[in-house]
Amino acid sequence: WAMKDYQGWKHSVAYGCCSDTYLDITYHFVLLRLPLYFIVNVIIPCLLFSFVIAVS
């Protein structure tokens, strides 16, 4: 995974029941999945194990 973009927002929220204000922090991340890592570390070992089991 690679982080392509990120943003953060801080909101001040006041509720009717309380006199205090509270902070609400929101984050937005855009992640880029790297398919080569998945292929090399998951798909190829699964195929190799399946082949070895089928042959033996």
N, C-alpha and C. Protein backbone atom coordinates (compact mmCIF):
# COMPACT_ATOMS: atom_id res chain seq x y z
N TRP A 1 0.84 -1.18 0.00
CA TRP A 1 0.00 0.00 0.00
C TRP A 1 0.88 1.24 0.00
N ALA A 2 0.42 2.24 -0.73
CA ALA A 2 1.10 3.53 -0.74
C ALA A 2 0.05 4.61 -0.49
N MET A 3 0.42 5.59 0.32
CA MET A 3 -0.51 6.67 0.60
C MET A 3 -0.42 7.71 -0.51
N LYS A 4 -1.50 7.86 -1.25
CA LYS A 4 -1.51 8.77 -2.39
C LYS A 4 -1.89 10.19 -1.97
N ASP A 5 -2.85 10.33 -1.08
CA ASP A 5 -3.31 11.65 -0.64
C ASP A 5 -3.95 11.52 0.73
N TYR A 6 -3.90 12.58 1.50
CA TYR A 6 -4.57 12.59 2.79
C TYR A 6 -5.00 14.02 3.12
N GLN A 7 -6.08 14.12 3.86
CA GLN A 7 -6.59 15.40 4.33
C GLN A 7 -7.14 15.22 5.73
N GLY A 8 -7.13 16.28 6.48
CA GLY A 8 -7.70 16.26 7.82
C GLY A 8 -8.49 17.52 8.09
N TRP A 9 -9.61 17.37 8.80
CA TRP A 9 -10.46 18.50 9.15
C TRP A 9 -10.71 18.48 10.64
N LYS A 10 -10.72 19.66 11.24
CA LYS A 10 -11.03 19.79 12.65
C LYS A 10 -12.29 20.64 12.78
N HIS A 11 -13.30 20.09 13.45
CA HIS A 11 -14.57 20.79 13.65
C HIS A 11 -14.78 20.99 15.15
N SER A 12 -15.33 22.12 15.49
CA SER A 12 -15.72 22.38 16.87
C SER A 12 -17.23 22.15 16.96
N VAL A 13 -17.64 21.20 17.80
CA VAL A 13 -19.04 20.81 17.89
C VAL A 13 -19.57 21.18 19.28
N ALA A 14 -20.72 21.84 19.30
CA ALA A 14 -21.39 22.18 20.57
C ALA A 14 -22.71 21.42 20.62
N TYR A 15 -22.93 20.73 21.72
CA TYR A 15 -24.17 19.98 21.92
C TYR A 15 -25.10 20.76 22.84
N GLY A 16 -26.39 20.55 22.68
CA GLY A 16 -27.38 21.28 23.46
C GLY A 16 -27.37 20.93 24.94
N CYS A 17 -26.90 19.75 25.28
CA CYS A 17 -26.94 19.31 26.68
C CYS A 17 -25.79 19.86 27.51
N CYS A 18 -24.70 20.26 26.84
CA CYS A 18 -23.49 20.65 27.56
C CYS A 18 -23.07 22.06 27.15
N SER A 19 -22.41 22.73 28.06
CA SER A 19 -21.95 24.09 27.75
C SER A 19 -20.58 24.07 27.05
N ASP A 20 -19.87 22.97 27.13
CA ASP A 20 -18.54 22.88 26.52
C ASP A 20 -18.65 22.57 25.03
N THR A 21 -17.60 22.92 24.31
CA THR A 21 -17.50 22.53 22.90
C THR A 21 -16.49 21.39 22.79
N TYR A 22 -16.72 20.51 21.85
CA TYR A 22 -15.88 19.34 21.67
C TYR A 22 -15.29 19.35 20.27
N LEU A 23 -14.09 18.81 20.16
CA LEU A 23 -13.43 18.75 18.87
C LEU A 23 -13.78 17.45 18.17
N ASP A 24 -14.07 17.56 16.90
CA ASP A 24 -14.35 16.42 16.04
C ASP A 24 -13.31 16.46 14.93
N ILE A 25 -12.47 15.44 14.86
CA ILE A 25 -11.41 15.39 13.86
C ILE A 25 -11.76 14.31 12.85
N THR A 26 -11.73 14.68 11.57
CA THR A 26 -12.05 13.76 10.48
C THR A 26 -10.85 13.66 9.56
N TYR A 27 -10.47 12.43 9.21
CA TYR A 27 -9.37 12.20 8.28
C TYR A 27 -9.89 11.50 7.04
N HIS A 28 -9.30 11.82 5.90
CA HIS A 28 -9.64 11.18 4.63
C HIS A 28 -8.33 10.73 3.98
N PHE A 29 -8.19 9.43 3.76
CA PHE A 29 -6.99 8.86 3.16
C PHE A 29 -7.33 8.26 1.80
N VAL A 30 -6.44 8.45 0.85
CA VAL A 30 -6.53 7.78 -0.44
C VAL A 30 -5.31 6.88 -0.54
N LEU A 31 -5.56 5.56 -0.55
CA LEU A 31 -4.48 4.58 -0.58
C LEU A 31 -4.41 3.94 -1.95
N LEU A 32 -3.19 3.68 -2.39
CA LEU A 32 -2.95 3.02 -3.66
C LEU A 32 -2.44 1.63 -3.38
N ARG A 33 -3.15 0.63 -3.87
CA ARG A 33 -2.74 -0.75 -3.64
C ARG A 33 -1.70 -1.13 -4.68
N LEU A 34 -0.65 -1.77 -4.23
CA LEU A 34 0.41 -2.21 -5.12
C LEU A 34 0.18 -3.68 -5.45
N PRO A 35 -0.28 -4.00 -6.66
CA PRO A 35 -0.67 -5.38 -6.97
C PRO A 35 0.52 -6.34 -7.05
N LEU A 36 1.70 -5.85 -7.38
CA LEU A 36 2.85 -6.75 -7.48
C LEU A 36 3.16 -7.40 -6.13
N TYR A 37 3.06 -6.65 -5.05
CA TYR A 37 3.29 -7.20 -3.72
C TYR A 37 2.30 -8.32 -3.43
N PHE A 38 1.03 -8.12 -3.76
CA PHE A 38 0.00 -9.13 -3.53
C PHE A 38 0.26 -10.37 -4.37
N ILE A 39 0.64 -10.19 -5.62
CA ILE A 39 0.90 -11.32 -6.52
C ILE A 39 2.08 -12.13 -6.02
N VAL A 40 3.15 -11.46 -5.65
CA VAL A 40 4.38 -12.17 -5.25
C VAL A 40 4.20 -12.85 -3.90
N ASN A 41 3.52 -12.23 -2.96
CA ASN A 41 3.46 -12.76 -1.60
C ASN A 41 2.22 -13.60 -1.29
N VAL A 42 1.21 -13.59 -2.16
CA VAL A 42 0.01 -14.38 -1.90
C VAL A 42 -0.28 -15.35 -3.04
N ILE A 43 -0.42 -14.85 -4.23
CA ILE A 43 -0.86 -15.67 -5.36
C ILE A 43 0.18 -16.72 -5.73
N ILE A 44 1.43 -16.32 -5.91
CA ILE A 44 2.47 -17.29 -6.33
C ILE A 44 2.67 -18.38 -5.28
N PRO A 45 2.78 -18.09 -3.97
CA PRO A 45 2.89 -19.19 -3.01
C PRO A 45 1.68 -20.12 -3.01
N CYS A 46 0.48 -19.58 -3.17
CA CYS A 46 -0.71 -20.44 -3.22
C CYS A 46 -0.66 -21.36 -4.43
N LEU A 47 -0.26 -20.84 -5.56
CA LEU A 47 -0.14 -21.67 -6.76
C LEU A 47 0.94 -22.74 -6.60
N LEU A 48 2.06 -22.37 -6.00
CA LEU A 48 3.14 -23.34 -5.79
C LEU A 48 2.69 -24.45 -4.83
N PHE A 49 2.04 -24.11 -3.73
CA PHE A 49 1.55 -25.12 -2.80
C PHE A 49 0.52 -26.02 -3.47
N SER A 50 -0.36 -25.45 -4.25
CA SER A 50 -1.36 -26.26 -4.96
C SER A 50 -0.70 -27.22 -5.94
N PHE A 51 0.32 -26.75 -6.63
CA PHE A 51 1.03 -27.61 -7.58
C PHE A 51 1.74 -28.74 -6.85
N VAL A 52 2.40 -28.43 -5.75
CA VAL A 52 3.13 -29.46 -4.98
C VAL A 52 2.15 -30.49 -4.42
N ILE A 53 1.01 -30.06 -3.93
CA ILE A 53 0.02 -30.99 -3.39
C ILE A 53 -0.55 -31.86 -4.50
N ALA A 54 -0.79 -31.28 -5.67
CA ALA A 54 -1.35 -32.05 -6.78
C ALA A 54 -0.35 -33.08 -7.30
N VAL A 55 0.93 -32.77 -7.29
CA VAL A 55 1.96 -33.68 -7.80
C VAL A 55 2.22 -34.81 -6.82
N SER A 56 2.19 -34.54 -5.54
CA SER A 56 2.54 -35.58 -4.56
C SER A 56 1.40 -36.44 -4.16
